[in-house]
Amino acid sequence: MSSVGDRKIPVLTDVVAESEANADEADQLGGTIDLGDIETLIAELQTRIASQTFTLADDLMREAFAEMEANIFRQISSRLRQELPEMIDSIIRVQLTGNQED
Protein backbone atom coordinates (compact mmCIF):
# COMPACT_ATOMS: atom_id res chain seq x y z
CA MET A 1 0.00 0.00 0.00
CA SER A 2 1.18 3.44 -0.74
CA SER A 3 1.06 6.17 1.77
CA VAL A 4 -0.23 9.66 1.18
CA GLY A 5 3.35 10.86 0.87
CA ASP A 6 4.00 8.51 -2.07
CA ARG A 7 1.18 9.90 -4.18
CA LYS A 8 1.78 13.00 -6.20
CA ILE A 9 -0.92 15.49 -5.25
CA PRO A 10 -1.14 18.31 -7.77
CA VAL A 11 -0.39 21.78 -6.56
CA LEU A 12 -2.72 24.49 -7.87
CA THR A 13 0.08 26.71 -9.15
CA ASP A 14 1.57 23.77 -11.08
CA VAL A 15 -1.80 22.96 -12.67
CA VAL A 16 -2.33 26.59 -13.71
CA ALA A 17 1.20 26.85 -15.12
CA GLU A 18 0.72 23.60 -17.07
CA SER A 19 -2.65 24.81 -18.38
CA GLU A 20 -1.10 28.10 -19.55
CA ALA A 21 1.71 26.20 -21.26
CA ASN A 22 -0.84 24.02 -23.06
CA ALA A 23 -2.79 27.11 -24.10
CA ASP A 24 0.39 28.76 -25.45
CA GLU A 25 1.21 25.60 -27.38
CA ALA A 26 -2.30 25.48 -28.82
CA ASP A 27 -2.01 29.14 -29.87
CA GLN A 28 1.24 28.37 -31.66
CA LEU A 29 -0.38 25.45 -33.47
CA GLY A 30 -3.42 27.51 -34.41
CA GLY A 31 -5.64 25.51 -32.06
CA THR A 32 -7.69 28.43 -30.82
CA ILE A 33 -10.31 30.30 -32.76
CA ASP A 34 -10.66 34.01 -32.25
CA LEU A 35 -14.05 35.72 -31.98
CA GLY A 36 -13.96 36.95 -35.59
CA ASP A 37 -13.45 33.40 -36.86
CA ILE A 38 -16.35 32.16 -34.73
CA GLU A 39 -18.64 34.89 -36.09
CA THR A 40 -17.60 34.04 -39.64
CA LEU A 41 -18.23 30.35 -39.01
CA ILE A 42 -21.66 31.07 -37.50
CA ALA A 43 -22.60 33.27 -40.47
CA GLU A 44 -21.46 30.58 -42.91
CA LEU A 45 -23.45 27.91 -41.08
CA GLN A 46 -26.55 30.11 -40.98
CA THR A 47 -26.28 30.70 -44.72
CA ARG A 48 -25.85 26.99 -45.47
CA ILE A 49 -28.76 25.99 -43.21
CA ALA A 50 -31.05 28.65 -44.68
CA SER A 51 -30.09 27.71 -48.24
CA GLN A 52 -30.75 24.01 -47.70
CA THR A 53 -34.00 24.80 -45.87
CA PHE A 54 -35.24 26.93 -48.77
CA THR A 55 -34.25 24.23 -51.26
CA LEU A 56 -36.13 21.60 -49.26
CA ALA A 57 -39.20 23.84 -48.90
CA ASP A 58 -39.13 24.58 -52.65
CA ASP A 59 -38.95 20.87 -53.50
CA LEU A 60 -41.78 20.03 -51.11
CA MET A 61 -43.98 22.81 -52.49
CA ARG A 62 -43.33 21.76 -56.09
CA GLU A 63 -44.26 18.17 -55.25
CA ALA A 64 -47.39 19.29 -53.40
CA PHE A 65 -48.51 21.54 -56.28
CA ALA A 66 -47.83 18.79 -58.82
CA GLU A 67 -49.91 16.37 -56.74
CA MET A 68 -52.74 18.92 -56.38
CA GLU A 69 -52.63 19.64 -60.10
CA ALA A 70 -52.85 15.91 -60.91
CA ASN A 71 -55.81 15.48 -58.52
CA ILE A 72 -57.67 18.45 -60.00
CA PHE A 73 -57.01 17.17 -63.52
CA ARG A 74 -58.41 13.72 -62.57
CA GLN A 75 -61.49 15.27 -60.96
CA ILE A 76 -62.24 17.48 -63.97
CA SER A 77 -61.67 14.65 -66.44
CA SER A 78 -63.89 12.33 -64.42
CA ARG A 79 -66.74 14.83 -64.22
CA LEU A 80 -66.47 15.61 -67.93
CA ARG A 81 -66.64 11.89 -68.78
CA GLN A 82 -69.71 11.50 -66.57
CA GLU A 83 -71.65 14.67 -67.37
CA LEU A 84 -70.66 15.66 -70.91
CA PRO A 85 -72.39 12.80 -72.78
CA GLU A 86 -75.66 13.46 -70.90
CA MET A 87 -75.40 17.18 -71.52
CA ILE A 88 -74.75 16.69 -75.26
CA ASP A 89 -77.62 14.21 -75.51
CA SER A 90 -79.96 16.60 -73.70
CA ILE A 91 -79.01 19.56 -75.90
CA ILE A 92 -79.37 17.56 -79.14
CA ARG A 93 -82.80 16.18 -78.10
CA VAL A 94 -84.05 19.64 -77.13
CA GLN A 95 -82.84 21.11 -80.42
CA LEU A 96 -84.32 18.33 -82.54
CA THR A 97 -87.65 18.06 -80.73
CA GLY A 98 -88.14 21.73 -79.97
CA ASN A 99 -88.76 21.06 -76.28
CA GLN A 100 -87.13 23.64 -74.01
CA GLU A 101 -85.51 21.98 -71.00
CA ASP A 102 -83.07 23.74 -68.75
PDB file of N, CA and C in Angstrom:
ATOM      1  N   MET A   1       0.824  -1.192   0.000  1.00  0.00           N
ATOM      2  CA  MET A   1       0.000   0.000   0.000  1.00  0.00           C
ATOM      3  C   MET A   1       0.853   1.234   0.000  1.00  0.00           C
ATOM      4  N   SER A   2       0.400   2.203  -0.712  1.00  0.00           N
ATOM      5  CA  SER A   2       1.176   3.437  -0.745  1.00  0.00           C
ATOM      6  C   SER A   2       0.625   4.419   0.258  1.00  0.00           C
ATOM      7  N   SER A   3       1.486   5.175   0.797  1.00  0.00           N
ATOM      8  CA  SER A   3       1.063   6.171   1.769  1.00  0.00           C
ATOM      9  C   SER A   3       0.746   7.460   1.047  1.00  0.00           C
ATOM     10  N   VAL A   4       0.137   8.365   1.751  1.00  0.00           N
ATOM     11  CA  VAL A   4      -0.228   9.659   1.178  1.00  0.00           C
ATOM     12  C   VAL A   4       1.004  10.367   0.642  1.00  0.00           C
ATOM     13  N   GLY A   5       2.123  10.196   1.285  1.00  0.00           N
ATOM     14  CA  GLY A   5       3.350  10.864   0.869  1.00  0.00           C
ATOM     15  C   GLY A   5       3.877  10.346  -0.458  1.00  0.00           C
ATOM     16  N   ASP A   6       3.522   9.081  -0.817  1.00  0.00           N
ATOM     17  CA  ASP A   6       4.000   8.511  -2.074  1.00  0.00           C
ATOM     18  C   ASP A   6       3.222   9.019  -3.288  1.00  0.00           C
ATOM     19  N   ARG A   7       1.996   9.403  -3.065  1.00  0.00           N
ATOM     20  CA  ARG A   7       1.180   9.898  -4.181  1.00  0.00           C
ATOM     21  C   ARG A   7       1.540  11.333  -4.503  1.00  0.00           C
ATOM     22  N   LYS A   8       1.495  11.625  -5.804  1.00  0.00           N
ATOM     23  CA  LYS A   8       1.783  12.998  -6.204  1.00  0.00           C
ATOM     24  C   LYS A   8       0.473  13.771  -6.236  1.00  0.00           C
ATOM     25  N   ILE A   9       0.274  14.648  -5.317  1.00  0.00           N
ATOM     26  CA  ILE A   9      -0.920  15.488  -5.252  1.00  0.00           C
ATOM     27  C   ILE A   9      -0.602  16.778  -6.009  1.00  0.00           C
ATOM     28  N   PRO A  10      -1.440  17.109  -6.987  1.00  0.00           N
ATOM     29  CA  PRO A  10      -1.141  18.306  -7.773  1.00  0.00           C
ATOM     30  C   PRO A  10      -1.258  19.579  -6.941  1.00  0.00           C
ATOM     31  N   VAL A  11      -0.387  20.479  -7.211  1.00  0.00           N
ATOM     32  CA  VAL A  11      -0.393  21.781  -6.558  1.00  0.00           C
ATOM     33  C   VAL A  11      -1.060  22.751  -7.527  1.00  0.00           C
ATOM     34  N   LEU A  12      -1.945  23.592  -7.036  1.00  0.00           N
ATOM     35  CA  LEU A  12      -2.725  24.493  -7.871  1.00  0.00           C
ATOM     36  C   LEU A  12      -1.856  25.325  -8.803  1.00  0.00           C
ATOM     37  N   THR A  13      -0.780  25.869  -8.301  1.00  0.00           N
ATOM     38  CA  THR A  13       0.083  26.706  -9.151  1.00  0.00           C
ATOM     39  C   THR A  13       0.708  25.893 -10.280  1.00  0.00           C
ATOM     40  N   ASP A  14       1.016  24.628 -10.017  1.00  0.00           N
ATOM     41  CA  ASP A  14       1.572  23.769 -11.075  1.00  0.00           C
ATOM     42  C   ASP A  14       0.525  23.492 -12.153  1.00  0.00           C
ATOM     43  N   VAL A  15      -0.716  23.241 -11.718  1.00  0.00           N
ATOM     44  CA  VAL A  15      -1.803  22.963 -12.667  1.00  0.00           C
ATOM     45  C   VAL A  15      -2.059  24.179 -13.542  1.00  0.00           C
ATOM     46  N   VAL A  16      -2.095  25.361 -12.947  1.00  0.00           N
ATOM     47  CA  VAL A  16      -2.325  26.592 -13.706  1.00  0.00           C
ATOM     48  C   VAL A  16      -1.183  26.830 -14.688  1.00  0.00           C
ATOM     49  N   ALA A  17       0.042  26.648 -14.247  1.00  0.00           N
ATOM     50  CA  ALA A  17       1.199  26.846 -15.119  1.00  0.00           C
ATOM     51  C   ALA A  17       1.161  25.865 -16.287  1.00  0.00           C
ATOM     52  N   GLU A  18       0.809  24.609 -16.013  1.00  0.00           N
ATOM     53  CA  GLU A  18       0.716  23.597 -17.072  1.00  0.00           C
ATOM     54  C   GLU A  18      -0.397  23.946 -18.057  1.00  0.00           C
ATOM     55  N   SER A  19      -1.526  24.423 -17.535  1.00  0.00           N
ATOM     56  CA  SER A  19      -2.652  24.812 -18.376  1.00  0.00           C
ATOM     57  C   SER A  19      -2.273  25.973 -19.288  1.00  0.00           C
ATOM     58  N   GLU A  20      -1.547  26.963 -18.738  1.00  0.00           N
ATOM     59  CA  GLU A  20      -1.097  28.097 -19.546  1.00  0.00           C
ATOM     60  C   GLU A  20      -0.118  27.648 -20.615  1.00  0.00           C
ATOM     61  N   ALA A  21       0.748  26.721 -20.283  1.00  0.00           N
ATOM     62  CA  ALA A  21       1.707  26.198 -21.259  1.00  0.00           C
ATOM     63  C   ALA A  21       0.972  25.491 -22.383  1.00  0.00           C
ATOM     64  N   ASN A  22      -0.046  24.708 -22.028  1.00  0.00           N
ATOM     65  CA  ASN A  22      -0.839  24.021 -23.056  1.00  0.00           C
ATOM     66  C   ASN A  22      -1.583  25.022 -23.940  1.00  0.00           C
ATOM     67  N   ALA A  23      -2.092  26.087 -23.336  1.00  0.00           N
ATOM     68  CA  ALA A  23      -2.793  27.111 -24.105  1.00  0.00           C
ATOM     69  C   ALA A  23      -1.840  27.813 -25.058  1.00  0.00           C
ATOM     70  N   ASP A  24      -0.612  28.131 -24.586  1.00  0.00           N
ATOM     71  CA  ASP A  24       0.385  28.762 -25.452  1.00  0.00           C
ATOM     72  C   ASP A  24       0.747  27.849 -26.613  1.00  0.00           C
ATOM     73  N   GLU A  25       0.882  26.572 -26.337  1.00  0.00           N
ATOM     74  CA  GLU A  25       1.212  25.604 -27.383  1.00  0.00           C
ATOM     75  C   GLU A  25       0.071  25.520 -28.402  1.00  0.00           C
ATOM     76  N   ALA A  26      -1.157  25.531 -27.916  1.00  0.00           N
ATOM     77  CA  ALA A  26      -2.302  25.482 -28.816  1.00  0.00           C
ATOM     78  C   ALA A  26      -2.357  26.734 -29.684  1.00  0.00           C
ATOM     79  N   ASP A  27      -2.044  27.896 -29.094  1.00  0.00           N
ATOM     80  CA  ASP A  27      -2.009  29.136 -29.868  1.00  0.00           C
ATOM     81  C   ASP A  27      -0.976  29.053 -30.979  1.00  0.00           C
ATOM     82  N   GLN A  28       0.176  28.491 -30.666  1.00  0.00           N
ATOM     83  CA  GLN A  28       1.241  28.375 -31.663  1.00  0.00           C
ATOM     84  C   GLN A  28       0.840  27.424 -32.784  1.00  0.00           C
ATOM     85  N   LEU A  29       0.051  26.425 -32.459  1.00  0.00           N
ATOM     86  CA  LEU A  29      -0.380  25.455 -33.468  1.00  0.00           C
ATOM     87  C   LEU A  29      -1.658  25.897 -34.172  1.00  0.00           C
ATOM     88  N   GLY A  30      -2.186  27.027 -33.805  1.00  0.00           N
ATOM     89  CA  GLY A  30      -3.420  27.507 -34.414  1.00  0.00           C
ATOM     90  C   GLY A  30      -4.638  26.791 -33.857  1.00  0.00           C
ATOM     91  N   GLY A  31      -4.570  26.291 -32.658  1.00  0.00           N
ATOM     92  CA  GLY A  31      -5.638  25.508 -32.062  1.00  0.00           C
ATOM     93  C   GLY A  31      -6.775  26.325 -31.502  1.00  0.00           C
ATOM     94  N   THR A  32      -6.591  27.624 -31.341  1.00  0.00           N
ATOM     95  CA  THR A  32      -7.687  28.429 -30.817  1.00  0.00           C
ATOM     96  C   THR A  32      -8.314  29.219 -31.957  1.00  0.00           C
ATOM     97  N   ILE A  33      -9.570  29.530 -31.763  1.00  0.00           N
ATOM     98  CA  ILE A  33     -10.314  30.298 -32.763  1.00  0.00           C
ATOM     99  C   ILE A  33     -10.659  31.632 -32.127  1.00  0.00           C
ATOM    100  N   ASP A  34     -10.314  32.710 -32.816  1.00  0.00           N
ATOM    101  CA  ASP A  34     -10.657  34.009 -32.246  1.00  0.00           C
ATOM    102  C   ASP A  34     -12.125  34.327 -32.528  1.00  0.00           C
ATOM    103  N   LEU A  35     -12.638  35.367 -31.907  1.00  0.00           N
ATOM    104  CA  LEU A  35     -14.049  35.720 -31.984  1.00  0.00           C
ATOM    105  C   LEU A  35     -14.484  36.015 -33.414  1.00  0.00           C
ATOM    106  N   GLY A  36     -13.634  36.653 -34.189  1.00  0.00           N
ATOM    107  CA  GLY A  36     -13.961  36.951 -35.589  1.00  0.00           C
ATOM    108  C   GLY A  36     -14.164  35.685 -36.398  1.00  0.00           C
ATOM    109  N   ASP A  37     -13.303  34.674 -36.157  1.00  0.00           N
ATOM    110  CA  ASP A  37     -13.448  33.399 -36.860  1.00  0.00           C
ATOM    111  C   ASP A  37     -14.743  32.701 -36.464  1.00  0.00           C
ATOM    112  N   ILE A  38     -15.113  32.789 -35.191  1.00  0.00           N
ATOM    113  CA  ILE A  38     -16.353  32.164 -34.733  1.00  0.00           C
ATOM    114  C   ILE A  38     -17.549  32.837 -35.394  1.00  0.00           C
ATOM    115  N   GLU A  39     -17.541  34.161 -35.456  1.00  0.00           N
ATOM    116  CA  GLU A  39     -18.642  34.891 -36.089  1.00  0.00           C
ATOM    117  C   GLU A  39     -18.750  34.533 -37.571  1.00  0.00           C
ATOM    118  N   THR A  40     -17.609  34.422 -38.235  1.00  0.00           N
ATOM    119  CA  THR A  40     -17.597  34.044 -39.643  1.00  0.00           C
ATOM    120  C   THR A  40     -18.152  32.637 -39.813  1.00  0.00           C
ATOM    121  N   LEU A  41     -17.748  31.721 -38.960  1.00  0.00           N
ATOM    122  CA  LEU A  41     -18.233  30.345 -39.010  1.00  0.00           C
ATOM    123  C   LEU A  41     -19.735  30.289 -38.770  1.00  0.00           C
ATOM    124  N   ILE A  42     -20.225  31.025 -37.790  1.00  0.00           N
ATOM    125  CA  ILE A  42     -21.661  31.070 -37.502  1.00  0.00           C
ATOM    126  C   ILE A  42     -22.432  31.612 -38.702  1.00  0.00           C
ATOM    127  N   ALA A  43     -21.930  32.688 -39.303  1.00  0.00           N
ATOM    128  CA  ALA A  43     -22.599  33.269 -40.468  1.00  0.00           C
ATOM    129  C   ALA A  43     -22.628  32.283 -41.634  1.00  0.00           C
ATOM    130  N   GLU A  44     -21.525  31.576 -41.831  1.00  0.00           N
ATOM    131  CA  GLU A  44     -21.463  30.584 -42.906  1.00  0.00           C
ATOM    132  C   GLU A  44     -22.454  29.448 -42.660  1.00  0.00           C
ATOM    133  N   LEU A  45     -22.514  28.978 -41.416  1.00  0.00           N
ATOM    134  CA  LEU A  45     -23.449  27.907 -41.077  1.00  0.00           C
ATOM    135  C   LEU A  45     -24.894  28.356 -41.234  1.00  0.00           C
ATOM    136  N   GLN A  46     -25.198  29.579 -40.815  1.00  0.00           N
ATOM    137  CA  GLN A  46     -26.548  30.113 -40.981  1.00  0.00           C
ATOM    138  C   GLN A  46     -26.934  30.164 -42.453  1.00  0.00           C
ATOM    139  N   THR A  47     -26.017  30.617 -43.282  1.00  0.00           N
ATOM    140  CA  THR A  47     -26.278  30.704 -44.715  1.00  0.00           C
ATOM    141  C   THR A  47     -26.521  29.323 -45.315  1.00  0.00           C
ATOM    142  N   ARG A  48     -25.692  28.352 -44.942  1.00  0.00           N
ATOM    143  CA  ARG A  48     -25.853  26.989 -45.469  1.00  0.00           C
ATOM    144  C   ARG A  48     -27.169  26.371 -45.014  1.00  0.00           C
ATOM    145  N   ILE A  49     -27.506  26.547 -43.745  1.00  0.00           N
ATOM    146  CA  ILE A  49     -28.756  25.987 -43.208  1.00  0.00           C
ATOM    147  C   ILE A  49     -29.954  26.631 -43.898  1.00  0.00           C
ATOM    148  N   ALA A  50     -29.936  27.958 -44.020  1.00  0.00           N
ATOM    149  CA  ALA A  50     -31.047  28.652 -44.680  1.00  0.00           C
ATOM    150  C   ALA A  50     -31.179  28.215 -46.133  1.00  0.00           C
ATOM    151  N   SER A  51     -30.066  28.114 -46.829  1.00  0.00           N
ATOM    152  CA  SER A  51     -30.089  27.710 -48.238  1.00  0.00           C
ATOM    153  C   SER A  51     -30.675  26.319 -48.402  1.00  0.00           C
ATOM    154  N   GLN A  52     -30.233  25.380 -47.592  1.00  0.00           N
ATOM    155  CA  GLN A  52     -30.747  24.014 -47.702  1.00  0.00           C
ATOM    156  C   GLN A  52     -32.208  23.929 -47.274  1.00  0.00           C
ATOM    157  N   THR A  53     -32.602  24.762 -46.299  1.00  0.00           N
ATOM    158  CA  THR A  53     -34.001  24.798 -45.873  1.00  0.00           C
ATOM    159  C   THR A  53     -34.886  25.311 -46.993  1.00  0.00           C
ATOM    160  N   PHE A  54     -34.460  26.395 -47.668  1.00  0.00           N
ATOM    161  CA  PHE A  54     -35.237  26.932 -48.772  1.00  0.00           C
ATOM    162  C   PHE A  54     -35.320  25.947 -49.934  1.00  0.00           C
ATOM    163  N   THR A  55     -34.240  25.235 -50.197  1.00  0.00           N
ATOM    164  CA  THR A  55     -34.246  24.230 -51.255  1.00  0.00           C
ATOM    165  C   THR A  55     -35.234  23.113 -50.924  1.00  0.00           C
ATOM    166  N   LEU A  56     -35.203  22.647 -49.687  1.00  0.00           N
ATOM    167  CA  LEU A  56     -36.126  21.598 -49.261  1.00  0.00           C
ATOM    168  C   LEU A  56     -37.576  22.086 -49.353  1.00  0.00           C
ATOM    169  N   ALA A  57     -37.843  23.291 -48.857  1.00  0.00           N
ATOM    170  CA  ALA A  57     -39.201  23.843 -48.904  1.00  0.00           C
ATOM    171  C   ALA A  57     -39.671  23.985 -50.349  1.00  0.00           C
ATOM    172  N   ASP A  58     -38.793  24.433 -51.234  1.00  0.00           N
ATOM    173  CA  ASP A  58     -39.128  24.582 -52.646  1.00  0.00           C
ATOM    174  C   ASP A  58     -39.480  23.233 -53.260  1.00  0.00           C
ATOM    175  N   ASP A  59     -38.677  22.216 -52.975  1.00  0.00           N
ATOM    176  CA  ASP A  59     -38.949  20.873 -53.499  1.00  0.00           C
ATOM    177  C   ASP A  59     -40.281  20.338 -52.978  1.00  0.00           C
ATOM    178  N   LEU A  60     -40.525  20.508 -51.686  1.00  0.00           N
ATOM    179  CA  LEU A  60     -41.780  20.026 -51.109  1.00  0.00           C
ATOM    180  C   LEU A  60     -42.987  20.741 -51.702  1.00  0.00           C
ATOM    181  N   MET A  61     -42.868  22.050 -51.900  1.00  0.00           N
ATOM    182  CA  MET A  61     -43.978  22.807 -52.487  1.00  0.00           C
ATOM    183  C   MET A  61     -44.216  22.398 -53.933  1.00  0.00           C
ATOM    184  N   ARG A  62     -43.157  22.204 -54.693  1.00  0.00           N
ATOM    185  CA  ARG A  62     -43.325  21.765 -56.089  1.00  0.00           C
ATOM    186  C   ARG A  62     -44.018  20.405 -56.153  1.00  0.00           C
ATOM    187  N   GLU A  63     -43.615  19.486 -55.275  1.00  0.00           N
ATOM    188  CA  GLU A  63     -44.258  18.168 -55.245  1.00  0.00           C
ATOM    189  C   GLU A  63     -45.727  18.282 -54.849  1.00  0.00           C
ATOM    190  N   ALA A  64     -46.014  19.117 -53.855  1.00  0.00           N
ATOM    191  CA  ALA A  64     -47.395  19.291 -53.396  1.00  0.00           C
ATOM    192  C   ALA A  64     -48.257  19.897 -54.503  1.00  0.00           C
ATOM    193  N   PHE A  65     -47.740  20.918 -55.197  1.00  0.00           N
ATOM    194  CA  PHE A  65     -48.505  21.536 -56.281  1.00  0.00           C
ATOM    195  C   PHE A  65     -48.702  20.569 -57.441  1.00  0.00           C
ATOM    196  N   ALA A  66     -47.691  19.775 -57.751  1.00  0.00           N
ATOM    197  CA  ALA A  66     -47.826  18.787 -58.821  1.00  0.00           C
ATOM    198  C   ALA A  66     -48.891  17.760 -58.455  1.00  0.00           C
ATOM    199  N   GLU A  67     -48.907  17.330 -57.195  1.00  0.00           N
ATOM    200  CA  GLU A  67     -49.912  16.371 -56.740  1.00  0.00           C
ATOM    201  C   GLU A  67     -51.308  16.980 -56.773  1.00  0.00           C
ATOM    202  N   MET A  68     -51.434  18.245 -56.332  1.00  0.00           N
ATOM    203  CA  MET A  68     -52.737  18.918 -56.378  1.00  0.00           C
ATOM    204  C   MET A  68     -53.208  19.077 -57.819  1.00  0.00           C
ATOM    205  N   GLU A  69     -52.296  19.461 -58.695  1.00  0.00           N
ATOM    206  CA  GLU A  69     -52.632  19.638 -60.104  1.00  0.00           C
ATOM    207  C   GLU A  69     -53.126  18.317 -60.705  1.00  0.00           C
ATOM    208  N   ALA A  70     -52.440  17.221 -60.394  1.00  0.00           N
ATOM    209  CA  ALA A  70     -52.846  15.914 -60.908  1.00  0.00           C
ATOM    210  C   ALA A  70     -54.226  15.526 -60.370  1.00  0.00           C
ATOM    211  N   ASN A  71     -54.491  15.801 -59.089  1.00  0.00           N
ATOM    212  CA  ASN A  71     -55.805  15.482 -58.515  1.00  0.00           C
ATOM    213  C   ASN A  71     -56.912  16.310 -59.157  1.00  0.00           C
ATOM    214  N   ILE A  72     -56.672  17.579 -59.366  1.00  0.00           N
ATOM    215  CA  ILE A  72     -57.666  18.447 -60.001  1.00  0.00           C
ATOM    216  C   ILE A  72     -57.921  17.988 -61.432  1.00  0.00           C
ATOM    217  N   PHE A  73     -56.866  17.648 -62.153  1.00  0.00           N
ATOM    218  CA  PHE A  73     -57.008  17.167 -63.523  1.00  0.00           C
ATOM    219  C   PHE A  73     -57.866  15.897 -63.553  1.00  0.00           C
ATOM    220  N   ARG A  74     -57.616  14.957 -62.629  1.00  0.00           N
ATOM    221  CA  ARG A  74     -58.406  13.715 -62.570  1.00  0.00           C
ATOM    222  C   ARG A  74     -59.870  14.010 -62.257  1.00  0.00           C
ATOM    223  N   GLN A  75     -60.106  14.933 -61.321  1.00  0.00           N
ATOM    224  CA  GLN A  75     -61.487  15.270 -60.962  1.00  0.00           C
ATOM    225  C   GLN A  75     -62.232  15.889 -62.142  1.00  0.00           C
ATOM    226  N   ILE A  76     -61.602  16.821 -62.826  1.00  0.00           N
ATOM    227  CA  ILE A  76     -62.240  17.479 -63.972  1.00  0.00           C
ATOM    228  C   ILE A  76     -62.495  16.473 -65.085  1.00  0.00           C
ATOM    229  N   SER A  77     -61.499  15.656 -65.383  1.00  0.00           N
ATOM    230  CA  SER A  77     -61.667  14.648 -66.441  1.00  0.00           C
ATOM    231  C   SER A  77     -62.788  13.677 -66.096  1.00  0.00           C
ATOM    232  N   SER A  78     -62.851  13.254 -64.858  1.00  0.00           N
ATOM    233  CA  SER A  78     -63.890  12.326 -64.423  1.00  0.00           C
ATOM    234  C   SER A  78     -65.282  12.934 -64.569  1.00  0.00           C
ATOM    235  N   ARG A  79     -65.435  14.159 -64.107  1.00  0.00           N
ATOM    236  CA  ARG A  79     -66.744  14.829 -64.225  1.00  0.00           C
ATOM    237  C   ARG A  79     -67.127  15.044 -65.678  1.00  0.00           C
ATOM    238  N   LEU A  80     -66.158  15.424 -66.513  1.00  0.00           N
ATOM    239  CA  LEU A  80     -66.465  15.612 -67.934  1.00  0.00           C
ATOM    240  C   LEU A  80     -66.920  14.294 -68.565  1.00  0.00           C
ATOM    241  N   ARG A  81     -66.244  13.198 -68.238  1.00  0.00           N
ATOM    242  CA  ARG A  81     -66.644  11.890 -68.782  1.00  0.00           C
ATOM    243  C   ARG A  81     -68.049  11.504 -68.331  1.00  0.00           C
ATOM    244  N   GLN A  82     -68.396  11.869 -67.095  1.00  0.00           N
ATOM    245  CA  GLN A  82     -69.714  11.505 -66.570  1.00  0.00           C
ATOM    246  C   GLN A  82     -70.819  12.414 -67.100  1.00  0.00           C
ATOM    247  N   GLU A  83     -70.581  13.705 -67.101  1.00  0.00           N
ATOM    248  CA  GLU A  83     -71.650  14.666 -67.367  1.00  0.00           C
ATOM    249  C   GLU A  83     -71.745  15.115 -68.820  1.00  0.00           C
ATOM    250  N   LEU A  84     -70.645  15.131 -69.544  1.00  0.00           N
ATOM    251  CA  LEU A  84     -70.663  15.659 -70.912  1.00  0.00           C
ATOM    252  C   LEU A  84     -71.562  14.855 -71.856  1.00  0.00           C
ATOM    253  N   PRO A  85     -71.495  13.528 -71.863  1.00  0.00           N
ATOM    254  CA  PRO A  85     -72.393  12.796 -72.776  1.00  0.00           C
ATOM    255  C   PRO A  85     -73.874  13.085 -72.506  1.00  0.00           C
ATOM    256  N   GLU A  86     -74.259  13.150 -71.235  1.00  0.00           N
ATOM    257  CA  GLU A  86     -75.655  13.457 -70.899  1.00  0.00           C
ATOM    258  C   GLU A  86     -76.027  14.865 -71.337  1.00  0.00           C
ATOM    259  N   MET A  87     -75.126  15.808 -71.129  1.00  0.00           N
ATOM    260  CA  MET A  87     -75.396  17.184 -71.517  1.00  0.00           C
ATOM    261  C   MET A  87     -75.550  17.293 -73.033  1.00  0.00           C
ATOM    262  N   ILE A  88     -74.676  16.653 -73.791  1.00  0.00           N
ATOM    263  CA  ILE A  88     -74.750  16.685 -75.262  1.00  0.00           C
ATOM    264  C   ILE A  88     -76.055  16.034 -75.721  1.00  0.00           C
ATOM    265  N   ASP A  89     -76.376  14.890 -75.151  1.00  0.00           N
ATOM    266  CA  ASP A  89     -77.618  14.206 -75.505  1.00  0.00           C
ATOM    267  C   ASP A  89     -78.823  15.096 -75.248  1.00  0.00           C
ATOM    268  N   SER A  90     -78.845  15.720 -74.073  1.00  0.00           N
ATOM    269  CA  SER A  90     -79.957  16.600 -73.703  1.00  0.00           C
ATOM    270  C   SER A  90     -80.084  17.767 -74.666  1.00  0.00           C
ATOM    271  N   ILE A  91     -78.989  18.397 -74.996  1.00  0.00           N
ATOM    272  CA  ILE A  91     -79.011  19.556 -75.901  1.00  0.00           C
ATOM    273  C   ILE A  91     -79.477  19.137 -77.291  1.00  0.00           C
ATOM    274  N   ILE A  92     -78.981  18.030 -77.799  1.00  0.00           N
ATOM    275  CA  ILE A  92     -79.375  17.556 -79.144  1.00  0.00           C
ATOM    276  C   ILE A  92     -80.868  17.231 -79.162  1.00  0.00           C
ATOM    277  N   ARG A  93     -81.374  16.545 -78.155  1.00  0.00           N
ATOM    278  CA  ARG A  93     -82.796  16.184 -78.101  1.00  0.00           C
ATOM    279  C   ARG A  93     -83.673  17.424 -78.039  1.00  0.00           C
ATOM    280  N   VAL A  94     -83.270  18.405 -77.227  1.00  0.00           N
ATOM    281  CA  VAL A  94     -84.046  19.644 -77.128  1.00  0.00           C
ATOM    282  C   VAL A  94     -84.057  20.349 -78.474  1.00  0.00           C
ATOM    283  N   GLN A  95     -82.941  20.410 -79.134  1.00  0.00           N
ATOM    284  CA  GLN A  95     -82.844  21.109 -80.416  1.00  0.00           C
ATOM    285  C   GLN A  95     -83.682  20.400 -81.487  1.00  0.00           C
ATOM    286  N   LEU A  96     -83.612  19.077 -81.509  1.00  0.00           N
ATOM    287  CA  LEU A  96     -84.321  18.329 -82.541  1.00  0.00           C
ATOM    288  C   LEU A  96     -85.830  18.232 -82.289  1.00  0.00           C
ATOM    289  N   THR A  97     -86.222  18.197 -81.042  1.00  0.00           N
ATOM    290  CA  THR A  97     -87.651  18.056 -80.734  1.00  0.00           C
ATOM    291  C   THR A  97     -88.329  19.390 -80.478  1.00  0.00           C
ATOM    292  N   GLY A  98     -87.574  20.410 -80.226  1.00  0.00           N
ATOM    293  CA  GLY A  98     -88.144  21.726 -79.971  1.00  0.00           C
ATOM    294  C   GLY A  98     -88.603  21.913 -78.547  1.00  0.00           C
ATOM    295  N   ASN A  99     -88.403  20.919 -77.708  1.00  0.00           N
ATOM    296  CA  ASN A  99     -88.759  21.063 -76.281  1.00  0.00           C
ATOM    297  C   ASN A  99     -87.686  21.867 -75.579  1.00  0.00           C
ATOM    298  N   GLN A 100     -88.085  22.816 -74.767  1.00  0.00           N
ATOM    299  CA  GLN A 100     -87.134  23.641 -74.009  1.00  0.00           C
ATOM    300  C   GLN A 100     -86.962  23.065 -72.612  1.00  0.00           C
ATOM    301  N   GLU A 101     -85.821  22.464 -72.334  1.00  0.00           N
ATOM    302  CA  GLU A 101     -85.507  21.983 -70.995  1.00  0.00           C
ATOM    303  C   GLU A 101     -84.253  22.698 -70.518  1.00  0.00           C
ATOM    304  N   ASP A 102     -84.270  23.110 -69.309  1.00  0.00           N
ATOM    305  CA  ASP A 102     -83.073  23.741 -68.750  1.00  0.00           C
ATOM    306  C   ASP A 102     -82.651  23.056 -67.504  1.00  0.00           C
TER     307      ASP A 102
END
